[in-house]
C-alpha atoms as a PDB file:
ATOM      1  CA  UNK A   1     131.272 317.850-132.845  1.00  0.00           C
ATOM      2  CA  UNK A   2     134.486 317.833-135.026  1.00  0.00           C
ATOM      3  CA  UNK A   3     136.996 317.914-131.920  1.00  0.00           C
ATOM      4  CA  UNK A   4     135.176 315.018-130.278  1.00  0.00           C
ATOM      5  CA  UNK A   5     135.224 312.960-133.623  1.00  0.00           C
ATOM      6  CA  UNK A   6     138.902 313.613-134.088  1.00  0.00           C
ATOM      7  CA  UNK A   7     139.741 312.690-130.482  1.00  0.00           C
ATOM      8  CA  UNK A   8     137.745 309.386-130.781  1.00  0.00           C
ATOM      9  CA  UNK A   9     139.210 308.511-134.139  1.00  0.00           C
ATOM     10  CA  UNK A  10     142.779 308.864-132.606  1.00  0.00           C
ATOM     11  CA  UNK A  11     141.865 306.145-130.009  1.00  0.00           C
ATOM     12  CA  UNK A  12     140.784 303.565-132.665  1.00  0.00           C
ATOM     13  CA  UNK A  13     143.020 301.188-134.469  1.00  0.00           C
ATOM     14  CA  UNK A  14     144.405 302.630-137.713  1.00  0.00           C
ATOM     15  CA  UNK A  15     142.498 300.386-140.073  1.00  0.00           C
ATOM     16  CA  UNK A  16     139.187 301.001-138.289  1.00  0.00           C
ATOM     17  CA  UNK A  17     139.238 304.692-138.190  1.00  0.00           C
ATOM     18  CA  UNK A  18     137.200 305.047-141.365  1.00  0.00           C
ATOM     19  CA  UNK A  19     134.239 303.360-139.613  1.00  0.00           C
ATOM     20  CA  UNK A  20     133.988 305.808-136.597  1.00  0.00           C
ATOM     21  CA  UNK A  21     130.759 307.522-136.346  1.00  0.00           C
ATOM     22  CA  UNK A  22     129.053 309.473-133.537  1.00  0.00           C
ATOM     23  CA  UNK A  23     125.428 309.127-132.822  1.00  0.00           C
ATOM     24  CA  UNK A  24     124.178 312.572-131.585  1.00  0.00           C
ATOM     25  CA  UNK A  25     121.720 311.014-129.083  1.00  0.00           C
ATOM     26  CA  UNK A  26     124.693 309.542-127.160  1.00  0.00           C
ATOM     27  CA  UNK A  27     126.432 312.715-126.688  1.00  0.00           C
ATOM     28  CA  UNK A  28     124.625 313.651-123.446  1.00  0.00           C
ATOM     29  CA  UNK A  29     125.642 310.432-121.985  1.00  0.00           C
ATOM     30  CA  UNK A  30     129.337 311.136-122.707  1.00  0.00           C
ATOM     31  CA  UNK A  31     129.119 314.556-121.287  1.00  0.00           C
ATOM     32  CA  UNK A  32     127.577 313.080-118.055  1.00  0.00           C
ATOM     33  CA  UNK A  33     124.362 315.052-118.415  1.00  0.00           C
ATOM     34  CA  UNK A  34     120.804 313.702-118.797  1.00  0.00           C
ATOM     35  CA  UNK A  35     117.887 315.146-120.507  1.00  0.00           C
ATOM     36  CA  UNK A  36     114.698 316.205-118.735  1.00  0.00           C
ATOM     37  CA  UNK A  37     112.958 313.325-120.349  1.00  0.00           C
ATOM     38  CA  UNK A  38     115.431 310.775-118.931  1.00  0.00           C
ATOM     39  CA  UNK A  39     115.098 312.330-115.504  1.00  0.00           C
ATOM     40  CA  UNK A  40     111.277 312.172-115.475  1.00  0.00           C
ATOM     41  CA  UNK A  41     111.151 308.601-116.535  1.00  0.00           C
ATOM     42  CA  UNK A  42     113.512 307.599-113.845  1.00  0.00           C
ATOM     43  CA  UNK A  43     111.406 309.332-111.223  1.00  0.00           C
ATOM     44  CA  UNK A  44     108.259 307.569-112.538  1.00  0.00           C
ATOM     45  CA  UNK A  45     109.897 304.215-112.468  1.00  0.00           C
ATOM     46  CA  UNK A  46     110.831 304.550-108.877  1.00  0.00           C
ATOM     47  CA  UNK A  47     107.566 305.932-107.437  1.00  0.00           C
ATOM     48  CA  UNK A  48     106.073 303.541-105.066  1.00  0.00           C
ATOM     49  CA  UNK A  49     102.534 302.242-105.626  1.00  0.00           C
ATOM     50  CA  UNK A  50     101.824 301.643-101.967  1.00  0.00           C
ATOM     51  CA  UNK A  51     100.276 304.106 -99.527  1.00  0.00           C
ATOM     52  CA  UNK A  52     102.424 306.158 -97.129  1.00  0.00           C
ATOM     53  CA  UNK A  53     101.610 306.134 -93.538  1.00  0.00           C
ATOM     54  CA  UNK A  54     100.340 309.610 -93.730  1.00  0.00           C
ATOM     55  CA  UNK A  55      97.966 308.741 -96.807  1.00  0.00           C
ATOM     56  CA  UNK A  56      96.978 305.601 -94.885  1.00  0.00           C
ATOM     57  CA  UNK A  57      95.941 307.726 -91.875  1.00  0.00           C
ATOM     58  CA  UNK A  58      94.204 310.395 -93.935  1.00  0.00           C
ATOM     59  CA  UNK A  59      92.065 307.770 -95.557  1.00  0.00           C
ATOM     60  CA  UNK A  60      90.960 306.527 -92.023  1.00  0.00           C
ATOM     61  CA  UNK A  61      92.232 303.110 -92.574  1.00  0.00           C
ATOM     62  CA  UNK A  62      93.793 302.975 -89.205  1.00  0.00           C
ATOM     63  CA  UNK A  63      90.533 303.700 -87.395  1.00  0.00           C
ATOM     64  CA  UNK A  64      87.674 301.333 -86.196  1.00  0.00           C
ATOM     65  CA  UNK A  65      83.998 301.895 -85.517  1.00  0.00           C
ATOM     66  CA  UNK A  66      83.501 302.378 -81.815  1.00  0.00           C
ATOM     67  CA  UNK A  67      79.851 300.935 -81.581  1.00  0.00           C
ATOM     68  CA  UNK A  68      79.207 298.855 -84.737  1.00  0.00           C
ATOM     69  CA  UNK A  69      81.417 296.068 -83.744  1.00  0.00           C
ATOM     70  CA  UNK A  70      80.171 293.077 -81.705  1.00  0.00           C
ATOM     71  CA  UNK A  71      82.139 290.722 -79.524  1.00  0.00           C
ATOM     72  CA  UNK A  72      80.549 287.723 -81.040  1.00  0.00           C
ATOM     73  CA  UNK A  73      81.981 288.771 -84.465  1.00  0.00           C
ATOM     74  CA  UNK A  74      85.577 288.690 -83.343  1.00  0.00           C
ATOM     75  CA  UNK A  75      85.260 285.292 -81.603  1.00  0.00           C
ATOM     76  CA  UNK A  76      86.416 283.386 -84.800  1.00  0.00           C
ATOM     77  CA  UNK A  77      89.423 285.696 -84.955  1.00  0.00           C
ATOM     78  CA  UNK A  78      90.185 284.676 -81.387  1.00  0.00           C
ATOM     79  CA  UNK A  79      89.963 280.974 -82.240  1.00  0.00           C
ATOM     80  CA  UNK A  80      92.387 281.551 -85.176  1.00  0.00           C
ATOM     81  CA  UNK A  81      94.800 283.303 -82.859  1.00  0.00           C
ATOM     82  CA  UNK A  82      94.703 280.408 -80.268  1.00  0.00           C
ATOM     83  CA  UNK A  83      95.895 277.954 -83.138  1.00  0.00           C
ATOM     84  CA  UNK A  84      98.437 280.479 -84.243  1.00  0.00           C
ATOM     85  CA  UNK A  85      99.934 281.058 -80.877  1.00  0.00           C
ATOM     86  CA  UNK A  86     100.224 277.393 -79.991  1.00  0.00           C
ATOM     87  CA  UNK A  87     102.267 276.961 -83.330  1.00  0.00           C
ATOM     88  CA  UNK A  88     104.395 279.942 -82.751  1.00  0.00           C
ATOM     89  CA  UNK A  89     105.352 279.012 -79.203  1.00  0.00           C
ATOM     90  CA  UNK A  90     105.485 275.366 -79.994  1.00  0.00           C
ATOM     91  CA  UNK A  91     102.872 274.414 -77.391  1.00  0.00           C
ATOM     92  CA  UNK A  92     101.630 270.841 -77.349  1.00  0.00           C
ATOM     93  CA  UNK A  93      99.418 269.066 -74.947  1.00  0.00           C
ATOM     94  CA  UNK A  94     101.243 268.523 -71.899  1.00  0.00           C
ATOM     95  CA  UNK A  95     103.846 271.155 -72.545  1.00  0.00           C
ATOM     96  CA  UNK A  96     105.339 272.901 -69.556  1.00  0.00           C
ATOM     97  CA  UNK A  97     106.360 276.655 -69.803  1.00  0.00           C
ATOM     98  CA  UNK A  98     109.946 276.945 -68.816  1.00  0.00           C
ATOM     99  CA  UNK A  99     110.724 278.473 -65.394  1.00  0.00           C
ATOM    100  CA  UNK A 100     112.930 281.575 -64.956  1.00  0.00           C
ATOM    101  CA  UNK A 101     115.950 279.438 -64.028  1.00  0.00           C
ATOM    102  CA  UNK A 102     115.609 277.136 -66.894  1.00  0.00           C
ATOM    103  CA  UNK A 103     117.808 277.389 -70.073  1.00  0.00           C
ATOM    104  CA  UNK A 104     114.942 277.757 -72.567  1.00  0.00           C
ATOM    105  CA  UNK A 105     113.169 280.445 -70.630  1.00  0.00           C
ATOM    106  CA  UNK A 106     114.929 283.328 -72.325  1.00  0.00           C
ATOM    107  CA  UNK A 107     114.232 282.161 -75.881  1.00  0.00           C
ATOM    108  CA  UNK A 108     110.659 281.506 -74.808  1.00  0.00           C
ATOM    109  CA  UNK A 109     110.034 284.967 -73.488  1.00  0.00           C
ATOM    110  CA  UNK A 110     111.480 286.558 -76.610  1.00  0.00           C
ATOM    111  CA  UNK A 111     109.111 284.531 -78.685  1.00  0.00           C
ATOM    112  CA  UNK A 112     106.155 285.595 -76.508  1.00  0.00           C
ATOM    113  CA  UNK A 113     107.105 289.222 -77.000  1.00  0.00           C
ATOM    114  CA  UNK A 114     107.135 288.733 -80.866  1.00  0.00           C
ATOM    115  CA  UNK A 115     103.551 287.429 -80.862  1.00  0.00           C
ATOM    116  CA  UNK A 116     101.049 289.195 -83.191  1.00  0.00           C
ATOM    117  CA  UNK A 117      98.253 290.157 -80.708  1.00  0.00           C
ATOM    118  CA  UNK A 118      95.368 290.562 -83.259  1.00  0.00           C
ATOM    119  CA  UNK A 119      92.789 288.130 -81.860  1.00  0.00           C
ATOM    120  CA  UNK A 120      94.352 287.748 -78.415  1.00  0.00           C
ATOM    121  CA  UNK A 121      92.215 288.047 -75.402  1.00  0.00           C
ATOM    122  CA  UNK A 122      93.971 290.368 -72.922  1.00  0.00           C
ATOM    123  CA  UNK A 123      93.410 291.942 -69.531  1.00  0.00           C
ATOM    124  CA  UNK A 124      95.053 295.052 -68.024  1.00  0.00           C
ATOM    125  CA  UNK A 125      96.348 293.634 -64.690  1.00  0.00           C
ATOM    126  CA  UNK A 126      98.530 296.713 -63.757  1.00  0.00           C
ATOM    127  CA  UNK A 127      98.720 300.186 -65.051  1.00  0.00           C
ATOM    128  CA  UNK A 128     100.038 303.651 -63.999  1.00  0.00           C
ATOM    129  CA  UNK A 129      96.485 304.861 -64.819  1.00  0.00           C
ATOM    130  CA  UNK A 130      94.385 302.958 -62.282  1.00  0.00           C
ATOM    131  CA  UNK A 131      91.112 303.422 -64.279  1.00  0.00           C
ATOM    132  CA  UNK A 132      92.563 301.072 -66.950  1.00  0.00           C
ATOM    133  CA  UNK A 133      93.186 298.224 -64.540  1.00  0.00           C
ATOM    134  CA  UNK A 134      90.743 295.390 -65.132  1.00  0.00           C
ATOM    135  CA  UNK A 135      89.829 296.223 -68.696  1.00  0.00           C
ATOM    136  CA  UNK A 136      89.636 293.180 -70.725  1.00  0.00           C
ATOM    137  CA  UNK A 137      88.765 292.182 -74.371  1.00  0.00           C
ATOM    138  CA  UNK A 138      89.829 290.676 -77.634  1.00  0.00           C
ATOM    139  CA  UNK A 139      92.622 292.811 -79.475  1.00  0.00           C
ATOM    140  CA  UNK A 140      91.205 293.980 -82.742  1.00  0.00           C
ATOM    141  CA  UNK A 141      94.081 296.576 -83.478  1.00  0.00           C
ATOM    142  CA  UNK A 142      97.752 296.459 -82.598  1.00  0.00           C
ATOM    143  CA  UNK A 143      99.645 299.723 -83.410  1.00  0.00           C
ATOM    144  CA  UNK A 144     102.936 301.068 -82.245  1.00  0.00           C
ATOM    145  CA  UNK A 145     101.734 302.707 -79.097  1.00  0.00           C
ATOM    146  CA  UNK A 146      98.232 301.334 -78.377  1.00  0.00           C
ATOM    147  CA  UNK A 147      95.988 298.181 -78.390  1.00  0.00           C
ATOM    148  CA  UNK A 148      92.370 298.409 -79.112  1.00  0.00           C
ATOM    149  CA  UNK A 149      90.340 295.828 -77.203  1.00  0.00           C
ATOM    150  CA  UNK A 150      86.826 294.901 -77.915  1.00  0.00           C
ATOM    151  CA  UNK A 151      85.073 294.035 -74.617  1.00  0.00           C
ATOM    152  CA  UNK A 152      82.189 291.624 -73.998  1.00  0.00           C
ATOM    153  CA  UNK A 153      80.018 294.714 -73.643  1.00  0.00           C
ATOM    154  CA  UNK A 154      80.671 295.525 -77.306  1.00  0.00           C
ATOM    155  CA  UNK A 155      82.704 298.618 -76.422  1.00  0.00           C
ATOM    156  CA  UNK A 156      85.988 299.341 -78.141  1.00  0.00           C
ATOM    157  CA  UNK A 157      88.621 300.690 -75.821  1.00  0.00           C
ATOM    158  CA  UNK A 158      92.062 302.003 -76.562  1.00  0.00           C
ATOM    159  CA  UNK A 159      94.721 301.093 -74.159  1.00  0.00           C
ATOM    160  CA  UNK A 160      98.235 302.634 -74.077  1.00  0.00           C
ATOM    161  CA  UNK A 161     100.939 299.975 -74.152  1.00  0.00           C
ATOM    162  CA  UNK A 162     103.676 301.688 -72.250  1.00  0.00           C
ATOM    163  CA  UNK A 163     101.484 302.425 -69.320  1.00  0.00           C
ATOM    164  CA  UNK A 164     100.203 298.849 -68.679  1.00  0.00           C
ATOM    165  CA  UNK A 165     101.032 295.267 -67.906  1.00  0.00           C
ATOM    166  CA  UNK A 166      98.888 292.719 -69.650  1.00  0.00           C
ATOM    167  CA  UNK A 167      97.596 289.340 -68.740  1.00  0.00           C
ATOM    168  CA  UNK A 168      97.453 286.768 -71.548  1.00  0.00           C
ATOM    169  CA  UNK A 169      95.965 283.225 -71.248  1.00  0.00           C
ATOM    170  CA  UNK A 170      96.508 280.378 -73.573  1.00  0.00           C
ATOM    171  CA  UNK A 171      94.552 277.369 -72.471  1.00  0.00           C
ATOM    172  CA  UNK A 172      95.379 276.771 -68.712  1.00  0.00           C
ATOM    173  CA  UNK A 173      98.774 278.711 -68.994  1.00  0.00           C
ATOM    174  CA  UNK A 174      98.757 282.391 -67.898  1.00  0.00           C
ATOM    175  CA  UNK A 175     101.334 284.904 -69.115  1.00  0.00           C
ATOM    176  CA  UNK A 176     102.322 288.422 -68.084  1.00  0.00           C
ATOM    177  CA  UNK A 177     103.478 290.858 -70.724  1.00  0.00           C
ATOM    178  CA  UNK A 178     104.903 294.234 -70.077  1.00  0.00           C
ATOM    179  CA  UNK A 179     103.537 296.798 -72.404  1.00  0.00           C
ATOM    180  CA  UNK A 180     106.649 298.731 -72.775  1.00  0.00           C
ATOM    181  CA  UNK A 181     108.256 295.722 -74.586  1.00  0.00           C
ATOM    182  CA  UNK A 182     105.525 295.828 -77.152  1.00  0.00           C
ATOM    183  CA  UNK A 183     105.847 299.432 -78.329  1.00  0.00           C
ATOM    184  CA  UNK A 184     106.775 298.289 -81.801  1.00  0.00           C
ATOM    185  CA  UNK A 185     104.617 297.802 -84.899  1.00  0.00           C
ATOM    186  CA  UNK A 186     103.644 294.042 -85.086  1.00  0.00           C
ATOM    187  CA  UNK A 187     105.440 293.552 -88.354  1.00  0.00           C
ATOM    188  CA  UNK A 188     108.515 295.134 -87.055  1.00  0.00           C
ATOM    189  CA  UNK A 189     108.377 293.392 -83.681  1.00  0.00           C
ATOM    190  CA  UNK A 190     108.198 289.921 -85.299  1.00  0.00           C
ATOM    191  CA  UNK A 191     111.610 290.487 -86.854  1.00  0.00           C
ATOM    192  CA  UNK A 192     113.304 292.628 -84.280  1.00  0.00           C
ATOM    193  CA  UNK A 193     116.201 291.255 -82.372  1.00  0.00           C
ATOM    194  CA  UNK A 194     115.073 291.442 -78.655  1.00  0.00           C
ATOM    195  CA  UNK A 195     117.644 292.498 -75.962  1.00  0.00           C
ATOM    196  CA  UNK A 196     118.713 289.799 -73.731  1.00  0.00           C
ATOM    197  CA  UNK A 197     117.680 291.857 -70.672  1.00  0.00           C
ATOM    198  CA  UNK A 198     114.112 293.024 -70.524  1.00  0.00           C
ATOM    199  CA  UNK A 199     113.647 295.870 -68.066  1.00  0.00           C
ATOM    200  CA  UNK A 200     110.599 295.243 -65.771  1.00  0.00           C
ATOM    201  CA  UNK A 201     107.750 297.525 -65.411  1.00  0.00           C
ATOM    202  CA  UNK A 202     108.279 300.245 -62.704  1.00  0.00           C
END
C-alpha cells in the first residue's frame, strides 16, 4: 500500500499532495483483477431470458398434434395470409405478374421467395420422392427444412423442402416455388439477401 501511495503522490501537483487518499476497494481495478462477486454479477446481467433452440425443442414447442387439428380451423389463417401476400407483393386488382424477360421479374421473384408461408395453401407439383407429388394443404408450420401441411382430410403431413417443387395460388395467379430456395427459417429468409441467380430444381 505504501509504495503505491508514494507513487501516486509523486504524480499529483505539489500543493494537492496532502489530499491524496487511496480507497482499498479500488485497488483491484488498478491491478486489473476483478473479484469473484464482480465476475458473477456480470454473468448474471448478460444471461439471456429467451429460450435456446435446444430448450425450445425439448419443451415440444416445435411440434404439432397430428390428429386434433381440423382444416376448417385454419381457414381464417389462410384468409389472413391472402391479405398479407397481396400487400407484400404489391398485388392489386388487375395487376399483371411480370414475365421472365421483363425488368421487374427478378425483384418480384425475390419477394416471392421471402414470403412467410404460414397460412399459405400449397401443393407439391414435383418431387424426387414420387409419393409426395399431389399432396396439398394449408401450411401450419414452416421450419428450416420442412413444411407441415394440413390437408382437407384433417391429416397433418410433413414435406421436406429441398426435395419438392411447390405450387402456390393467389387469386387467379399461379406461382411455382422451388423448395431448395426456401431452406432457411422464415424470420431469416425475410431479411436474407437473395442471390441474383436462382438455380432451378434438378
